C-alpha atoms as a PDB file:
ATOM      1  CA  MET A   1     112.879 242.762  73.337  1.00  0.00           C
ATOM      2  CA  LYS A   2     113.971 238.815  72.903  1.00  0.00           C
ATOM      3  CA  SER A   3     115.352 237.047  76.100  1.00  0.00           C
ATOM      4  CA  TYR A   4     117.204 234.072  76.840  1.00  0.00           C
ATOM      5  CA  ILE A   5     118.570 232.334  79.793  1.00  0.00           C
ATOM      6  CA  LEU A   6     121.844 230.463  78.640  1.00  0.00           C
ATOM      7  CA  LEU A   7     122.774 227.728  80.793  1.00  0.00           C
ATOM      8  CA  GLU A   8     126.661 226.704  78.542  1.00  0.00           C
ATOM      9  CA  ASN A   9     128.835 223.895  79.182  1.00  0.00           C
ATOM     10  CA  ILE A  10     127.411 221.772  82.260  1.00  0.00           C
ATOM     11  CA  THR A  11     129.375 219.172  82.893  1.00  0.00           C
ATOM     12  CA  PHE A  12     127.968 216.028  84.044  1.00  0.00           C
ATOM     13  CA  PHE A  13     129.066 212.078  84.577  1.00  0.00           C
ATOM     14  CA  ALA A  14     125.940 209.699  83.865  1.00  0.00           C
ATOM     15  CA  ASN A  15     125.603 205.988  82.659  1.00  0.00           C
ATOM     16  CA  HIS A  16     124.126 206.855  78.942  1.00  0.00           C
ATOM     17  CA  GLY A  17     124.874 204.686  76.298  1.00  0.00           C
ATOM     18  CA  VAL A  18     124.586 201.642  73.983  1.00  0.00           C
ATOM     19  CA  PHE A  19     127.069 199.578  74.497  1.00  0.00           C
ATOM     20  CA  PRO A  20     127.295 197.508  78.058  1.00  0.00           C
ATOM     21  CA  GLN A  21     130.225 198.781  79.133  1.00  0.00           C
ATOM     22  CA  GLU A  22     128.881 202.601  78.885  1.00  0.00           C
ATOM     23  CA  LYS A  23     126.047 202.081  81.333  1.00  0.00           C
ATOM     24  CA  LYS A  24     128.857 200.638  84.212  1.00  0.00           C
ATOM     25  CA  VAL A  25     131.509 202.973  83.317  1.00  0.00           C
ATOM     26  CA  GLY A  26     130.259 206.257  82.461  1.00  0.00           C
ATOM     27  CA  ASN A  27     131.069 208.941  80.886  1.00  0.00           C
ATOM     28  CA  VAL A  28     131.572 212.889  80.966  1.00  0.00           C
ATOM     29  CA  PHE A  29     128.944 214.737  78.931  1.00  0.00           C
ATOM     30  CA  VAL A  30     128.103 218.348  78.644  1.00  0.00           C
ATOM     31  CA  VAL A  31     124.934 220.123  78.572  1.00  0.00           C
ATOM     32  CA  SER A  32     124.237 223.484  77.023  1.00  0.00           C
ATOM     33  CA  LEU A  33     120.665 224.930  76.861  1.00  0.00           C
ATOM     34  CA  LYS A  34     118.858 228.316  75.230  1.00  0.00           C
ATOM     35  CA  ILE A  35     115.693 228.759  76.960  1.00  0.00           C
ATOM     36  CA  LYS A  36     113.405 231.549  75.488  1.00  0.00           C
ATOM     37  CA  VAL A  37     111.704 233.115  77.984  1.00  0.00           C
ATOM     38  CA  ASP A  38     110.147 236.676  78.249  1.00  0.00           C
ATOM     39  CA  PHE A  39     112.197 238.967  81.132  1.00  0.00           C
ATOM     40  CA  SER A  40     109.903 241.851  80.932  1.00  0.00           C
ATOM     41  CA  LYS A  41     108.660 241.339  84.237  1.00  0.00           C
ATOM     42  CA  SER A  42     111.518 241.069  85.988  1.00  0.00           C
ATOM     43  CA  CYS A  43     113.636 243.562  84.046  1.00  0.00           C
ATOM     44  CA  LEU A  44     111.551 245.582  85.962  1.00  0.00           C
ATOM     45  CA  SER A  45     110.421 243.743  89.274  1.00  0.00           C
ATOM     46  CA  ASP A  46     114.357 242.690  89.713  1.00  0.00           C
ATOM     47  CA  ASN A  47     112.181 239.432  91.763  1.00  0.00           C
ATOM     48  CA  LEU A  48     113.488 236.107  91.057  1.00  0.00           C
ATOM     49  CA  GLU A  49     109.694 234.951  91.124  1.00  0.00           C
ATOM     50  CA  ASP A  50     109.173 236.968  87.910  1.00  0.00           C
ATOM     51  CA  THR A  51     110.938 234.820  85.835  1.00  0.00           C
ATOM     52  CA  VAL A  52     112.720 231.626  85.672  1.00  0.00           C
ATOM     53  CA  SER A  53     115.550 230.066  88.042  1.00  0.00           C
ATOM     54  CA  TYR A  54     118.814 229.218  86.513  1.00  0.00           C
ATOM     55  CA  ALA A  55     119.735 227.291  89.544  1.00  0.00           C
ATOM     56  CA  SER A  56     116.109 225.640  89.623  1.00  0.00           C
ATOM     57  CA  VAL A  57     116.654 224.457  85.829  1.00  0.00           C
ATOM     58  CA  TYR A  58     119.855 223.181  86.720  1.00  0.00           C
ATOM     59  CA  GLU A  59     118.623 221.015  89.523  1.00  0.00           C
ATOM     60  CA  ASP A  60     115.536 219.954  86.850  1.00  0.00           C
ATOM     61  CA  VAL A  61     118.515 219.337  84.483  1.00  0.00           C
ATOM     62  CA  LYS A  62     120.604 217.021  86.800  1.00  0.00           C
ATOM     63  CA  LYS A  63     117.898 214.986  87.743  1.00  0.00           C
ATOM     64  CA  GLU A  64     117.101 213.941  84.137  1.00  0.00           C
ATOM     65  CA  MET A  65     121.032 213.208  83.286  1.00  0.00           C
ATOM     66  CA  ASP A  66     120.949 210.578  86.415  1.00  0.00           C
ATOM     67  CA  ILE A  67     118.702 208.695  84.777  1.00  0.00           C
ATOM     68  CA  PRO A  68     120.401 206.368  82.806  1.00  0.00           C
ATOM     69  CA  SER A  69     119.222 206.019  78.595  1.00  0.00           C
ATOM     70  CA  LYS A  70     120.707 204.491  75.590  1.00  0.00           C
ATOM     71  CA  LEU A  71     120.387 207.622  73.536  1.00  0.00           C
ATOM     72  CA  LEU A  72     121.329 211.403  73.518  1.00  0.00           C
ATOM     73  CA  GLU A  73     117.850 212.569  71.965  1.00  0.00           C
ATOM     74  CA  HIS A  74     116.146 210.058  74.607  1.00  0.00           C
ATOM     75  CA  VAL A  75     118.048 212.297  77.231  1.00  0.00           C
ATOM     76  CA  ALA A  76     117.772 215.581  75.838  1.00  0.00           C
ATOM     77  CA  TYR A  77     114.242 214.900  75.130  1.00  0.00           C
ATOM     78  CA  ARG A  78     113.654 214.353  78.429  1.00  0.00           C
ATOM     79  CA  ILE A  79     114.803 217.475  79.769  1.00  0.00           C
ATOM     80  CA  ILE A  80     113.024 219.739  77.130  1.00  0.00           C
ATOM     81  CA  TYR A  81     109.926 218.254  78.184  1.00  0.00           C
ATOM     82  CA  SER A  82     110.544 218.205  81.804  1.00  0.00           C
ATOM     83  CA  LEU A  83     111.371 222.040  81.847  1.00  0.00           C
ATOM     84  CA  LYS A  84     108.194 222.821  79.640  1.00  0.00           C
ATOM     85  CA  GLU A  85     106.105 221.026  81.781  1.00  0.00           C
ATOM     86  CA  LYS A  86     107.586 222.743  84.856  1.00  0.00           C
ATOM     87  CA  TYR A  87     107.777 226.432  83.496  1.00  0.00           C
ATOM     88  CA  SER A  88     104.666 227.323  81.502  1.00  0.00           C
ATOM     89  CA  GLU A  89     106.638 231.297  81.206  1.00  0.00           C
ATOM     90  CA  ILE A  90     109.261 229.300  78.173  1.00  0.00           C
ATOM     91  CA  GLU A  91     108.869 230.169  74.871  1.00  0.00           C
ATOM     92  CA  GLU A  92     111.275 227.578  73.505  1.00  0.00           C
ATOM     93  CA  VAL A  93     114.077 225.210  74.344  1.00  0.00           C
ATOM     94  CA  GLU A  94     116.828 224.520  72.342  1.00  0.00           C
ATOM     95  CA  ILE A  95     119.746 222.075  74.078  1.00  0.00           C
ATOM     96  CA  LYS A  96     123.093 220.940  72.680  1.00  0.00           C
ATOM     97  CA  LEU A  97     124.017 217.427  74.818  1.00  0.00           C
ATOM     98  CA  SER A  98     127.477 216.341  74.346  1.00  0.00           C
ATOM     99  CA  LYS A  99     129.398 212.963  74.893  1.00  0.00           C
ATOM    100  CA  ARG A 100     132.842 213.178  75.397  1.00  0.00           C
ATOM    101  CA  ASN A 101     134.725 210.431  73.915  1.00  0.00           C
ATOM    102  CA  PRO A 102     132.202 208.626  72.505  1.00  0.00           C
ATOM    103  CA  PRO A 103     133.303 204.859  71.669  1.00  0.00           C
ATOM    104  CA  VAL A 104     133.485 205.471  67.563  1.00  0.00           C
ATOM    105  CA  GLY A 105     136.727 203.400  67.299  1.00  0.00           C
ATOM    106  CA  GLY A 106     138.494 206.400  66.342  1.00  0.00           C
ATOM    107  CA  GLN A 107     139.736 209.685  67.987  1.00  0.00           C
ATOM    108  CA  ILE A 108     136.660 212.610  68.768  1.00  0.00           C
ATOM    109  CA  ASP A 109     135.873 214.706  71.586  1.00  0.00           C
ATOM    110  CA  TYR A 110     132.701 214.736  71.177  1.00  0.00           C
ATOM    111  CA  ALA A 111     129.657 213.291  69.277  1.00  0.00           C
ATOM    112  CA  SER A 112     126.074 215.692  70.084  1.00  0.00           C
ATOM    113  CA  VAL A 113     122.537 215.988  69.109  1.00  0.00           C
ATOM    114  CA  VAL A 114     120.632 219.175  69.462  1.00  0.00           C
ATOM    115  CA  LEU A 115     117.280 219.365  69.436  1.00  0.00           C
ATOM    116  CA  ILE A 116     114.915 222.637  69.815  1.00  0.00           C
ATOM    117  CA  ASP A 117     111.291 222.732  70.860  1.00  0.00           C
END
């Protein structure tokens, strides 16, 4: 059986961006995660210690989002790396990181990157 933890549309205010104004003013960012984890043990035990806590994952993502970066790719990579380093149970992480109203000279709701590792 395949099993995943999904954390969808986690919203953060952060100071990521290439331009000085982006770093100064900040913006809204949205993170969605798909984390492949084997639930076979926790499905039977009903014990939090037998799985990856999505509350802990949220705190780990928040910690990385609080560190300013120029590129969305860099932030997304750091999130994947930190999760896979901390939780040996994680087999794969897919992340979508979006910036609301990016400064591109036109109307756009989000600019996003997707990384899978």
